[in-house]
PDB file of N, CA and C in Angstrom:
ATOM      1  N   UNK A   1       1.589  11.017   4.450  1.00  0.00           N
ATOM      2  CA  UNK A   1       1.471   9.486   3.983  1.00  0.00           C
ATOM      3  C   UNK A   1       3.151   8.963   3.783  1.00  0.00           C
ATOM      4  N   UNK A   2       3.587   7.848   4.345  1.00  0.00           N
ATOM      5  CA  UNK A   2       4.836   7.799   4.399  1.00  0.00           C
ATOM      6  C   UNK A   2       5.413   7.085   3.323  1.00  0.00           C
ATOM      7  N   UNK A   3       6.412   6.823   2.776  1.00  0.00           N
ATOM      8  CA  UNK A   3       7.091   6.183   1.963  1.00  0.00           C
ATOM      9  C   UNK A   3       7.964   5.342   2.257  1.00  0.00           C
ATOM     10  N   UNK A   4       7.857   4.079   1.484  1.00  0.00           N
ATOM     11  CA  UNK A   4       8.934   2.926   2.488  1.00  0.00           C
ATOM     12  C   UNK A   4       9.784   2.465   1.274  1.00  0.00           C
ATOM     13  N   UNK A   5      10.950   1.773   1.715  1.00  0.00           N
ATOM     14  CA  UNK A   5      12.208   1.382   0.324  1.00  0.00           C
ATOM     15  C   UNK A   5      12.385   0.328   0.502  1.00  0.00           C
ATOM     16  N   UNK A   6      13.339  -0.585  -0.027  1.00  0.00           N
ATOM     17  CA  UNK A   6      13.916  -1.599  -0.090  1.00  0.00           C
ATOM     18  C   UNK A   6      14.608  -2.050   1.053  1.00  0.00           C
ATOM     19  N   UNK A   7      15.327  -0.297   1.460  1.00  0.00           N
ATOM     20  CA  UNK A   7      15.995  -1.000   2.641  1.00  0.00           C
ATOM     21  C   UNK A   7      15.499  -0.795   4.166  1.00  0.00           C
ATOM     22  N   UNK A   8      13.931  -0.062   4.092  1.00  0.00           N
ATOM     23  CA  UNK A   8      13.472  -0.252   5.617  1.00  0.00           C
ATOM     24  C   UNK A   8      11.963  -0.813   5.437  1.00  0.00           C
ATOM     25  N   UNK A   9      11.441  -1.601   4.348  1.00  0.00           N
ATOM     26  CA  UNK A   9      10.272  -2.343   4.580  1.00  0.00           C
ATOM     27  C   UNK A   9      10.362  -3.049   4.917  1.00  0.00           C
ATOM     28  N   UNK A  10      10.880  -3.847   5.769  1.00  0.00           N
ATOM     29  CA  UNK A  10      10.943  -4.889   6.723  1.00  0.00           C
ATOM     30  C   UNK A  10      10.871  -4.269   7.777  1.00  0.00           C
ATOM     31  N   UNK A  11      11.556  -3.329   8.212  1.00  0.00           N
ATOM     32  CA  UNK A  11      10.727  -2.805  10.043  1.00  0.00           C
ATOM     33  C   UNK A  11       9.485  -2.022   9.747  1.00  0.00           C
ATOM     34  N   UNK A  12       9.230  -1.353   8.451  1.00  0.00           N
ATOM     35  CA  UNK A  12       7.836  -0.347   8.714  1.00  0.00           C
ATOM     36  C   UNK A  12       6.550  -1.102   8.091  1.00  0.00           C
ATOM     37  N   UNK A  13       7.070  -2.270   7.386  1.00  0.00           N
ATOM     38  CA  UNK A  13       5.593  -3.103   6.919  1.00  0.00           C
ATOM     39  C   UNK A  13       6.149  -4.251   7.511  1.00  0.00           C
ATOM     40  N   UNK A  14       6.500  -5.268   7.244  1.00  0.00           N
ATOM     41  CA  UNK A  14       6.908  -6.918   7.899  1.00  0.00           C
ATOM     42  C   UNK A  14       6.718  -6.802   9.440  1.00  0.00           C
ATOM     43  N   UNK A  15       7.522  -5.228   9.951  1.00  0.00           N
ATOM     44  CA  UNK A  15       7.760  -5.391  11.579  1.00  0.00           C
ATOM     45  C   UNK A  15       6.672  -4.753  12.386  1.00  0.00           C
ATOM     46  N   UNK A  16       5.384  -4.199  11.038  1.00  0.00           N
ATOM     47  CA  UNK A  16       4.510  -3.464  12.041  1.00  0.00           C
ATOM     48  C   UNK A  16       3.985  -3.919  13.041  1.00  0.00           C
ATOM     49  N   UNK A  17       3.514  -2.891  13.764  1.00  0.00           N
ATOM     50  CA  UNK A  17       2.186  -3.739  15.062  1.00  0.00           C
ATOM     51  C   UNK A  17       1.148  -3.800  14.284  1.00  0.00           C
ATOM     52  N   UNK A  18       0.761  -3.436  13.485  1.00  0.00           N
ATOM     53  CA  UNK A  18      -0.933  -3.239  12.712  1.00  0.00           C
ATOM     54  C   UNK A  18      -1.042  -3.307  11.613  1.00  0.00           C
ATOM     55  N   UNK A  19      -2.206  -3.553  10.855  1.00  0.00           N
ATOM     56  CA  UNK A  19      -1.894  -3.995   9.463  1.00  0.00           C
ATOM     57  C   UNK A  19      -1.409  -2.822   8.969  1.00  0.00           C
ATOM     58  N   UNK A  20      -0.808  -3.097   7.513  1.00  0.00           N
ATOM     59  CA  UNK A  20      -0.241  -2.185   6.858  1.00  0.00           C
ATOM     60  C   UNK A  20      -0.786  -2.342   5.189  1.00  0.00           C
ATOM     61  N   UNK A  21      -1.437  -1.198   4.808  1.00  0.00           N
ATOM     62  CA  UNK A  21      -1.809  -0.757   3.479  1.00  0.00           C
ATOM     63  C   UNK A  21      -0.431  -0.446   2.467  1.00  0.00           C
ATOM     64  N   UNK A  22       0.069  -1.080   1.927  1.00  0.00           N
ATOM     65  CA  UNK A  22       0.946  -0.692   0.578  1.00  0.00           C
ATOM     66  C   UNK A  22       0.498  -0.646  -0.811  1.00  0.00           C
ATOM     67  N   UNK A  23       0.657   0.930  -1.324  1.00  0.00           N
ATOM     68  CA  UNK A  23       0.483   0.748  -2.479  1.00  0.00           C
ATOM     69  C   UNK A  23       1.869   0.891  -3.241  1.00  0.00           C
ATOM     70  N   UNK A  24       1.822   0.283  -4.285  1.00  0.00           N
ATOM     71  CA  UNK A  24       2.898   0.181  -5.272  1.00  0.00           C
ATOM     72  C   UNK A  24       2.438   0.886  -6.299  1.00  0.00           C
ATOM     73  N   UNK A  25       3.580   1.985  -6.412  1.00  0.00           N
ATOM     74  CA  UNK A  25       3.333   3.369  -7.091  1.00  0.00           C
ATOM     75  C   UNK A  25       4.480   3.516  -7.949  1.00  0.00           C
ATOM     76  N   UNK A  26       4.619   4.644  -9.017  1.00  0.00           N
ATOM     77  CA  UNK A  26       5.367   5.086 -10.113  1.00  0.00           C
ATOM     78  C   UNK A  26       4.557   6.621  -9.995  1.00  0.00           C
ATOM     79  N   UNK A  27       5.885   7.373 -10.315  1.00  0.00           N
ATOM     80  CA  UNK A  27       5.855   8.651 -10.714  1.00  0.00           C
ATOM     81  C   UNK A  27       4.947   8.696 -12.083  1.00  0.00           C
ATOM     82  N   UNK A  28       5.156   8.112 -13.139  1.00  0.00           N
ATOM     83  CA  UNK A  28       4.569   7.933 -14.817  1.00  0.00           C
ATOM     84  C   UNK A  28       3.077   7.321 -14.322  1.00  0.00           C
ATOM     85  N   UNK A  29       2.398   7.125 -13.359  1.00  0.00           N
ATOM     86  CA  UNK A  29       1.527   6.688 -13.424  1.00  0.00           C
ATOM     87  C   UNK A  29       0.487   7.442 -13.085  1.00  0.00           C
ATOM     88  N   UNK A  30      -0.443   7.452 -14.038  1.00  0.00           N
ATOM     89  CA  UNK A  30      -1.738   8.549 -14.103  1.00  0.00           C
ATOM     90  C   UNK A  30      -2.761   7.646 -12.935  1.00  0.00           C
ATOM     91  N   UNK A  31      -3.249   6.580 -13.060  1.00  0.00           N
ATOM     92  CA  UNK A  31      -4.101   6.460 -11.593  1.00  0.00           C
ATOM     93  C   UNK A  31      -3.266   6.449 -10.394  1.00  0.00           C
ATOM     94  N   UNK A  32      -1.935   6.106 -10.067  1.00  0.00           N
ATOM     95  CA  UNK A  32      -1.530   5.766  -9.064  1.00  0.00           C
ATOM     96  C   UNK A  32      -1.424   7.493  -8.371  1.00  0.00           C
ATOM     97  N   UNK A  33      -1.580   8.263  -9.066  1.00  0.00           N
ATOM     98  CA  UNK A  33      -1.080  10.161  -9.147  1.00  0.00           C
ATOM     99  C   UNK A  33      -2.970  10.451  -8.307  1.00  0.00           C
ATOM    100  N   UNK A  34      -3.659   9.673  -9.068  1.00  0.00           N
ATOM    101  CA  UNK A  34      -5.156   9.841  -8.426  1.00  0.00           C
ATOM    102  C   UNK A  34      -5.435   9.416  -7.438  1.00  0.00           C
ATOM    103  N   UNK A  35      -4.653   8.107  -6.836  1.00  0.00           N
ATOM    104  CA  UNK A  35      -5.047   7.735  -5.480  1.00  0.00           C
ATOM    105  C   UNK A  35      -4.448   8.246  -4.347  1.00  0.00           C
ATOM    106  N   UNK A  36      -3.543   9.333  -5.100  1.00  0.00           N
ATOM    107  CA  UNK A  36      -2.679  10.037  -3.774  1.00  0.00           C
ATOM    108  C   UNK A  36      -3.629  10.775  -2.582  1.00  0.00           C
ATOM    109  N   UNK A  37      -4.413  11.196  -3.332  1.00  0.00           N
ATOM    110  CA  UNK A  37      -5.541  12.017  -2.195  1.00  0.00           C
ATOM    111  C   UNK A  37      -6.388  11.048  -1.654  1.00  0.00           C
ATOM    112  N   UNK A  38      -6.689   9.701  -2.191  1.00  0.00           N
ATOM    113  CA  UNK A  38      -7.384   8.716  -1.379  1.00  0.00           C
ATOM    114  C   UNK A  38      -6.890   8.197  -0.192  1.00  0.00           C
ATOM    115  N   UNK A  39      -5.858   7.879  -0.424  1.00  0.00           N
ATOM    116  CA  UNK A  39      -4.997   7.215   0.102  1.00  0.00           C
ATOM    117  C   UNK A  39      -4.531   7.999   1.477  1.00  0.00           C
ATOM    118  N   UNK A  40      -4.653   9.495   1.269  1.00  0.00           N
ATOM    119  CA  UNK A  40      -4.289  10.456   2.358  1.00  0.00           C
ATOM    120  C   UNK A  40      -5.504  10.176   3.391  1.00  0.00           C
ATOM    121  N   UNK A  41      -6.310  10.339   2.884  1.00  0.00           N
ATOM    122  CA  UNK A  41      -7.718  10.643   3.552  1.00  0.00           C
ATOM    123  C   UNK A  41      -8.025   9.129   4.251  1.00  0.00           C
ATOM    124  N   UNK A  42      -7.627   8.117   3.456  1.00  0.00           N
ATOM    125  CA  UNK A  42      -7.878   7.020   3.958  1.00  0.00           C
ATOM    126  C   UNK A  42      -7.190   6.673   5.415  1.00  0.00           C
ATOM    127  N   UNK A  43      -5.682   7.105   5.230  1.00  0.00           N
ATOM    128  CA  UNK A  43      -4.698   6.961   6.060  1.00  0.00           C
ATOM    129  C   UNK A  43      -4.951   8.181   7.749  1.00  0.00           C
ATOM    130  N   UNK A  44      -5.728   8.910   7.418  1.00  0.00           N
ATOM    131  CA  UNK A  44      -6.549  10.102   8.224  1.00  0.00           C
ATOM    132  C   UNK A  44      -7.505   9.256   9.221  1.00  0.00           C
ATOM    133  N   UNK A  45      -8.214   8.514   8.145  1.00  0.00           N
ATOM    134  CA  UNK A  45      -9.453   8.118   8.916  1.00  0.00           C
ATOM    135  C   UNK A  45      -9.163   6.879   9.575  1.00  0.00           C
ATOM    136  N   UNK A  46      -8.503   5.940   9.046  1.00  0.00           N
ATOM    137  CA  UNK A  46      -8.207   4.989   9.992  1.00  0.00           C
ATOM    138  C   UNK A  46      -7.097   5.104  10.971  1.00  0.00           C
ATOM    139  N   UNK A  47      -6.819   6.068  11.418  1.00  0.00           N
ATOM    140  CA  UNK A  47      -5.876   6.119  12.448  1.00  0.00           C
ATOM    141  C   UNK A  47      -4.888   5.194  12.688  1.00  0.00           C
ATOM    142  N   UNK A  48      -4.992   4.473  13.911  1.00  0.00           N
ATOM    143  CA  UNK A  48      -4.023   3.446  14.433  1.00  0.00           C
ATOM    144  C   UNK A  48      -4.458   2.142  13.768  1.00  0.00           C
ATOM    145  N   UNK A  49      -5.397   1.916  13.198  1.00  0.00           N
ATOM    146  CA  UNK A  49      -6.016   0.150  12.736  1.00  0.00           C
ATOM    147  C   UNK A  49      -5.424   0.079  11.517  1.00  0.00           C
ATOM    148  N   UNK A  50      -5.016   1.426  10.827  1.00  0.00           N
ATOM    149  CA  UNK A  50      -4.236   0.583   9.212  1.00  0.00           C
ATOM    150  C   UNK A  50      -3.330   1.864   9.074  1.00  0.00           C
ATOM    151  N   UNK A  51      -2.133   1.277   9.031  1.00  0.00           N
ATOM    152  CA  UNK A  51      -0.796   2.029   8.333  1.00  0.00           C
ATOM    153  C   UNK A  51      -0.724   2.400   7.002  1.00  0.00           C
ATOM    154  N   UNK A  52      -1.012   3.305   6.203  1.00  0.00           N
ATOM    155  CA  UNK A  52      -0.961   3.224   4.539  1.00  0.00           C
ATOM    156  C   UNK A  52       0.243   4.165   4.395  1.00  0.00           C
ATOM    157  N   UNK A  53       1.236   2.940   3.290  1.00  0.00           N
ATOM    158  CA  UNK A  53       2.446   3.798   3.231  1.00  0.00           C
ATOM    159  C   UNK A  53       2.641   3.440   1.223  1.00  0.00           C
ATOM    160  N   UNK A  54       3.999   3.675   0.789  1.00  0.00           N
ATOM    161  CA  UNK A  54       3.737   4.176  -0.501  1.00  0.00           C
ATOM    162  C   UNK A  54       4.957   3.604  -0.882  1.00  0.00           C
ATOM    163  N   UNK A  55       4.952   2.877  -2.009  1.00  0.00           N
ATOM    164  CA  UNK A  55       6.783   2.137  -2.443  1.00  0.00           C
ATOM    165  C   UNK A  55       6.590   2.687  -3.773  1.00  0.00           C
ATOM    166  N   UNK A  56       7.984   3.196  -4.169  1.00  0.00           N
ATOM    167  CA  UNK A  56       7.782   3.431  -5.788  1.00  0.00           C
ATOM    168  C   UNK A  56       8.655   2.296  -6.017  1.00  0.00           C
ATOM    169  N   UNK A  57       8.015   1.871  -7.085  1.00  0.00           N
ATOM    170  CA  UNK A  57       8.452   0.319  -8.306  1.00  0.00           C
ATOM    171  C   UNK A  57      10.174   1.073  -8.668  1.00  0.00           C
ATOM    172  N   UNK A  58      10.164   1.972  -9.191  1.00  0.00           N
ATOM    173  CA  UNK A  58      10.995   2.450  -9.795  1.00  0.00           C
ATOM    174  C   UNK A  58      12.331   2.452  -9.055  1.00  0.00           C
ATOM    175  N   UNK A  59      12.492   3.057  -8.005  1.00  0.00           N
ATOM    176  CA  UNK A  59      13.266   3.308  -7.023  1.00  0.00           C
ATOM    177  C   UNK A  59      13.251   2.240  -6.220  1.00  0.00           C
ATOM    178  N   UNK A  60      12.733   1.208  -5.988  1.00  0.00           N
ATOM    179  CA  UNK A  60      12.816  -0.126  -5.045  1.00  0.00           C
ATOM    180  C   UNK A  60      12.560  -1.304  -5.991  1.00  0.00           C
ATOM    181  N   UNK A  61      13.046  -1.966  -6.689  1.00  0.00           N
ATOM    182  CA  UNK A  61      12.937  -3.281  -7.116  1.00  0.00           C
ATOM    183  C   UNK A  61      12.875  -4.253  -6.736  1.00  0.00           C
ATOM    184  N   UNK A  62      13.690  -4.665  -5.525  1.00  0.00           N
ATOM    185  CA  UNK A  62      14.149  -5.356  -4.917  1.00  0.00           C
ATOM    186  C   UNK A  62      12.401  -6.081  -3.919  1.00  0.00           C
ATOM    187  N   UNK A  63      11.902  -5.374  -3.857  1.00  0.00           N
ATOM    188  CA  UNK A  63      10.559  -5.240  -2.819  1.00  0.00           C
ATOM    189  C   UNK A  63       9.752  -5.428  -3.940  1.00  0.00           C
ATOM    190  N   UNK A  64       9.513  -4.837  -4.861  1.00  0.00           N
ATOM    191  CA  UNK A  64       8.624  -4.985  -6.164  1.00  0.00           C
ATOM    192  C   UNK A  64       8.585  -6.528  -6.879  1.00  0.00           C
ATOM    193  N   UNK A  65       9.831  -6.754  -6.964  1.00  0.00           N
ATOM    194  CA  UNK A  65      10.054  -7.840  -7.705  1.00  0.00           C
ATOM    195  C   UNK A  65       9.903  -9.181  -6.651  1.00  0.00           C
ATOM    196  N   UNK A  66      10.338  -9.652  -5.542  1.00  0.00           N
ATOM    197  CA  UNK A  66       9.627 -10.354  -4.165  1.00  0.00           C
ATOM    198  C   UNK A  66       8.328 -10.643  -4.125  1.00  0.00           C
ATOM    199  N   UNK A  67       7.591  -9.459  -4.647  1.00  0.00           N
ATOM    200  CA  UNK A  67       6.009  -9.575  -4.204  1.00  0.00           C
ATOM    201  C   UNK A  67       5.291  -9.501  -5.972  1.00  0.00           C
ATOM    202  N   UNK A  68       6.451  -9.798  -6.792  1.00  0.00           N
ATOM    203  CA  UNK A  68       5.831 -10.016  -8.151  1.00  0.00           C
ATOM    204  C   UNK A  68       4.998  -8.910  -8.515  1.00  0.00           C
ATOM    205  N   UNK A  69       4.516  -7.843  -8.536  1.00  0.00           N
ATOM    206  CA  UNK A  69       4.066  -6.544  -8.520  1.00  0.00           C
ATOM    207  C   UNK A  69       4.244  -6.335 -10.292  1.00  0.00           C
ATOM    208  N   UNK A  70       3.329  -6.415 -10.897  1.00  0.00           N
ATOM    209  CA  UNK A  70       3.429  -6.022 -12.447  1.00  0.00           C
ATOM    210  C   UNK A  70       2.737  -5.018 -12.966  1.00  0.00           C
ATOM    211  N   UNK A  71       1.709  -4.768 -11.847  1.00  0.00           N
ATOM    212  CA  UNK A  71       0.664  -3.448 -12.367  1.00  0.00           C
ATOM    213  C   UNK A  71       0.918  -2.649 -11.620  1.00  0.00           C
ATOM    214  N   UNK A  72       0.395  -1.353 -12.023  1.00  0.00           N
ATOM    215  CA  UNK A  72       0.126  -0.159 -11.029  1.00  0.00           C
ATOM    216  C   UNK A  72      -0.990   1.040 -11.227  1.00  0.00           C
ATOM    217  N   UNK A  73      -1.490   0.964 -10.246  1.00  0.00           N
ATOM    218  CA  UNK A  73      -1.783   0.728  -8.756  1.00  0.00           C
ATOM    219  C   UNK A  73      -1.362  -0.443  -8.173  1.00  0.00           C
ATOM    220  N   UNK A  74      -0.533  -1.155  -7.441  1.00  0.00           N
ATOM    221  CA  UNK A  74      -0.898  -2.424  -6.811  1.00  0.00           C
ATOM    222  C   UNK A  74      -1.239  -2.148  -5.268  1.00  0.00           C
ATOM    223  N   UNK A  75      -2.101  -2.711  -4.481  1.00  0.00           N
ATOM    224  CA  UNK A  75      -2.283  -2.646  -3.011  1.00  0.00           C
ATOM    225  C   UNK A  75      -1.981  -3.766  -2.347  1.00  0.00           C
ATOM    226  N   UNK A  76      -1.359  -4.079  -1.362  1.00  0.00           N
ATOM    227  CA  UNK A  76      -1.122  -5.131  -0.693  1.00  0.00           C
ATOM    228  C   UNK A  76      -1.509  -4.781   0.994  1.00  0.00           C
ATOM    229  N   UNK A  77      -1.911  -5.661   1.618  1.00  0.00           N
ATOM    230  CA  UNK A  77      -2.160  -5.585   3.016  1.00  0.00           C
ATOM    231  C   UNK A  77      -1.619  -6.844   3.439  1.00  0.00           C
ATOM    232  N   UNK A  78      -0.992  -5.848   4.243  1.00  0.00           N
ATOM    233  CA  UNK A  78       0.398  -7.188   5.551  1.00  0.00           C
ATOM    234  C   UNK A  78      -0.213  -6.964   6.759  1.00  0.00           C
ATOM    235  N   UNK A  79      -0.544  -8.170   7.097  1.00  0.00           N
ATOM    236  CA  UNK A  79      -1.066  -8.278   8.561  1.00  0.00           C
ATOM    237  C   UNK A  79      -0.046  -9.640   9.107  1.00  0.00           C
ATOM    238  N   UNK A  80       0.812  -9.206  10.537  1.00  0.00           N
ATOM    239  CA  UNK A  80       1.826  -9.977  10.662  1.00  0.00           C
ATOM    240  C   UNK A  80       2.881 -10.772  10.545  1.00  0.00           C
ATOM    241  N   UNK A  81       3.264  -9.513   9.351  1.00  0.00           N
ATOM    242  CA  UNK A  81       4.520  -9.876   8.257  1.00  0.00           C
ATOM    243  C   UNK A  81       4.022 -10.436   6.824  1.00  0.00           C
ATOM    244  N   UNK A  82       2.931 -10.728   6.788  1.00  0.00           N
ATOM    245  CA  UNK A  82       2.429 -11.868   5.652  1.00  0.00           C
ATOM    246  C   UNK A  82       1.372 -10.787   4.785  1.00  0.00           C
ATOM    247  N   UNK A  83       1.488 -11.470   3.403  1.00  0.00           N
ATOM    248  CA  UNK A  83       0.445 -10.077   2.540  1.00  0.00           C
ATOM    249  C   UNK A  83      -0.916 -11.031   2.620  1.00  0.00           C
ATOM    250  N   UNK A  84      -2.208 -10.213   3.096  1.00  0.00           N
ATOM    251  CA  UNK A  84      -2.641 -10.975   3.198  1.00  0.00           C
ATOM    252  C   UNK A  84      -4.450 -10.685   2.196  1.00  0.00           C
ATOM    253  N   UNK A  85      -3.725  -9.751   1.288  1.00  0.00           N
ATOM    254  CA  UNK A  85      -5.180  -9.222   0.202  1.00  0.00           C
ATOM    255  C   UNK A  85      -4.017  -8.624  -0.867  1.00  0.00           C
ATOM    256  N   UNK A  86      -4.310  -8.456  -1.845  1.00  0.00           N
ATOM    257  CA  UNK A  86      -3.878  -7.813  -3.062  1.00  0.00           C
ATOM    258  C   UNK A  86      -4.813  -7.396  -3.940  1.00  0.00           C
ATOM    259  N   UNK A  87      -4.797  -6.058  -4.367  1.00  0.00           N
ATOM    260  CA  UNK A  87      -6.044  -5.174  -5.190  1.00  0.00           C
ATOM    261  C   UNK A  87      -5.262  -4.862  -6.232  1.00  0.00           C
ATOM    262  N   UNK A  88      -5.550  -4.638  -7.719  1.00  0.00           N
ATOM    263  CA  UNK A  88      -4.807  -3.948  -8.457  1.00  0.00           C
ATOM    264  C   UNK A  88      -5.696  -2.770  -9.175  1.00  0.00           C
ATOM    265  N   UNK A  89      -5.546  -1.560  -9.712  1.00  0.00           N
ATOM    266  CA  UNK A  89      -5.952  -1.246 -10.200  1.00  0.00           C
ATOM    267  C   UNK A  89      -6.809   0.435  -9.391  1.00  0.00           C
ATOM    268  N   UNK A  90      -6.630   1.375  -9.601  1.00  0.00           N
ATOM    269  CA  UNK A  90      -7.645   2.857  -9.017  1.00  0.00           C
ATOM    270  C   UNK A  90      -8.616   2.399  -8.243  1.00  0.00           C
ATOM    271  N   UNK A  91      -8.762   2.706  -7.418  1.00  0.00           N
ATOM    272  CA  UNK A  91     -10.567   2.710  -7.154  1.00  0.00           C
ATOM    273  C   UNK A  91     -11.194   4.013  -6.056  1.00  0.00           C
ATOM    274  N   UNK A  92     -12.334   4.462  -5.548  1.00  0.00           N
ATOM    275  CA  UNK A  92     -12.926   5.213  -4.799  1.00  0.00           C
ATOM    276  C   UNK A  92     -12.485   4.972  -3.771  1.00  0.00           C
ATOM    277  N   UNK A  93     -12.515   5.979  -2.470  1.00  0.00           N
ATOM    278  CA  UNK A  93     -12.472   5.577  -1.509  1.00  0.00           C
ATOM    279  C   UNK A  93     -13.283   4.752  -0.482  1.00  0.00           C
ATOM    280  N   UNK A  94     -14.317   4.931  -0.771  1.00  0.00           N
ATOM    281  CA  UNK A  94     -15.647   3.807  -0.250  1.00  0.00           C
ATOM    282  C   UNK A  94     -15.535   2.148  -0.822  1.00  0.00           C
ATOM    283  N   UNK A  95     -14.907   2.467  -2.171  1.00  0.00           N
ATOM    284  CA  UNK A  95     -14.582   1.098  -2.300  1.00  0.00           C
ATOM    285  C   UNK A  95     -13.809   0.521  -1.841  1.00  0.00           C
ATOM    286  N   UNK A  96     -12.379   1.273  -1.468  1.00  0.00           N
ATOM    287  CA  UNK A  96     -11.290   0.590  -0.823  1.00  0.00           C
ATOM    288  C   UNK A  96     -11.705   0.115   0.605  1.00  0.00           C
ATOM    289  N   UNK A  97     -12.070   1.066   0.930  1.00  0.00           N
ATOM    290  CA  UNK A  97     -12.808   0.771   2.633  1.00  0.00           C
ATOM    291  C   UNK A  97     -13.714  -0.935   2.929  1.00  0.00           C
ATOM    292  N   UNK A  98     -14.223  -0.471   1.671  1.00  0.00           N
ATOM    293  CA  UNK A  98     -15.600  -1.726   1.429  1.00  0.00           C
ATOM    294  C   UNK A  98     -14.407  -3.265   1.460  1.00  0.00           C
ATOM    295  N   UNK A  99     -13.699  -3.164   0.819  1.00  0.00           N
ATOM    296  CA  UNK A  99     -12.504  -3.873   0.118  1.00  0.00           C
ATOM    297  C   UNK A  99     -11.522  -4.503   1.497  1.00  0.00           C
ATOM    298  N   UNK A 100     -11.049  -3.382   2.235  1.00  0.00           N
ATOM    299  CA  UNK A 100     -10.222  -3.591   3.544  1.00  0.00           C
ATOM    300  C   UNK A 100     -11.139  -4.519   4.382  1.00  0.00           C
ATOM    301  N   UNK A 101     -12.320  -4.153   4.483  1.00  0.00           N
ATOM    302  CA  UNK A 101     -13.215  -4.068   5.744  1.00  0.00           C
ATOM    303  C   UNK A 101     -13.071  -5.782   6.720  1.00  0.00           C
ATOM    304  N   UNK A 102     -12.641  -6.913   5.701  1.00  0.00           N
ATOM    305  CA  UNK A 102     -12.337  -7.879   6.199  1.00  0.00           C
ATOM    306  C   UNK A 102     -10.525  -7.845   6.891  1.00  0.00           C
ATOM    307  N   UNK A 103     -10.057  -7.153   7.065  1.00  0.00           N
ATOM    308  CA  UNK A 103      -8.588  -7.007   7.115  1.00  0.00           C
ATOM    309  C   UNK A 103      -8.190  -6.254   8.554  1.00  0.00           C
ATOM    310  N   UNK A 104      -8.814  -4.890   8.581  1.00  0.00           N
ATOM    311  CA  UNK A 104      -8.560  -4.503   9.122  1.00  0.00           C
ATOM    312  C   UNK A 104      -9.823  -3.897  10.337  1.00  0.00           C
TER     313      UNK A 104
END
């Protein structure tokens, strides 16, 4: 799974040709660490339909502040350069897939 930064967020997320799920994460966040295997599996399962990336909030304050992310993990789905869905908190893969069904 790809990690994006303040520097490449525009090209990797905003300019992506498919929907992108961004996990706003932090090294110190236990629920974020729990989501790692879930997101890797989701990334493999959805293939070209959904790009899955992570953004470390501590190392990338510009994007974190721009989207007013206060809790981790926060998930945002971007489509055509715009955020279209936001979710907060860890969840199992099945629930995450259900929540993403309307945007993927």
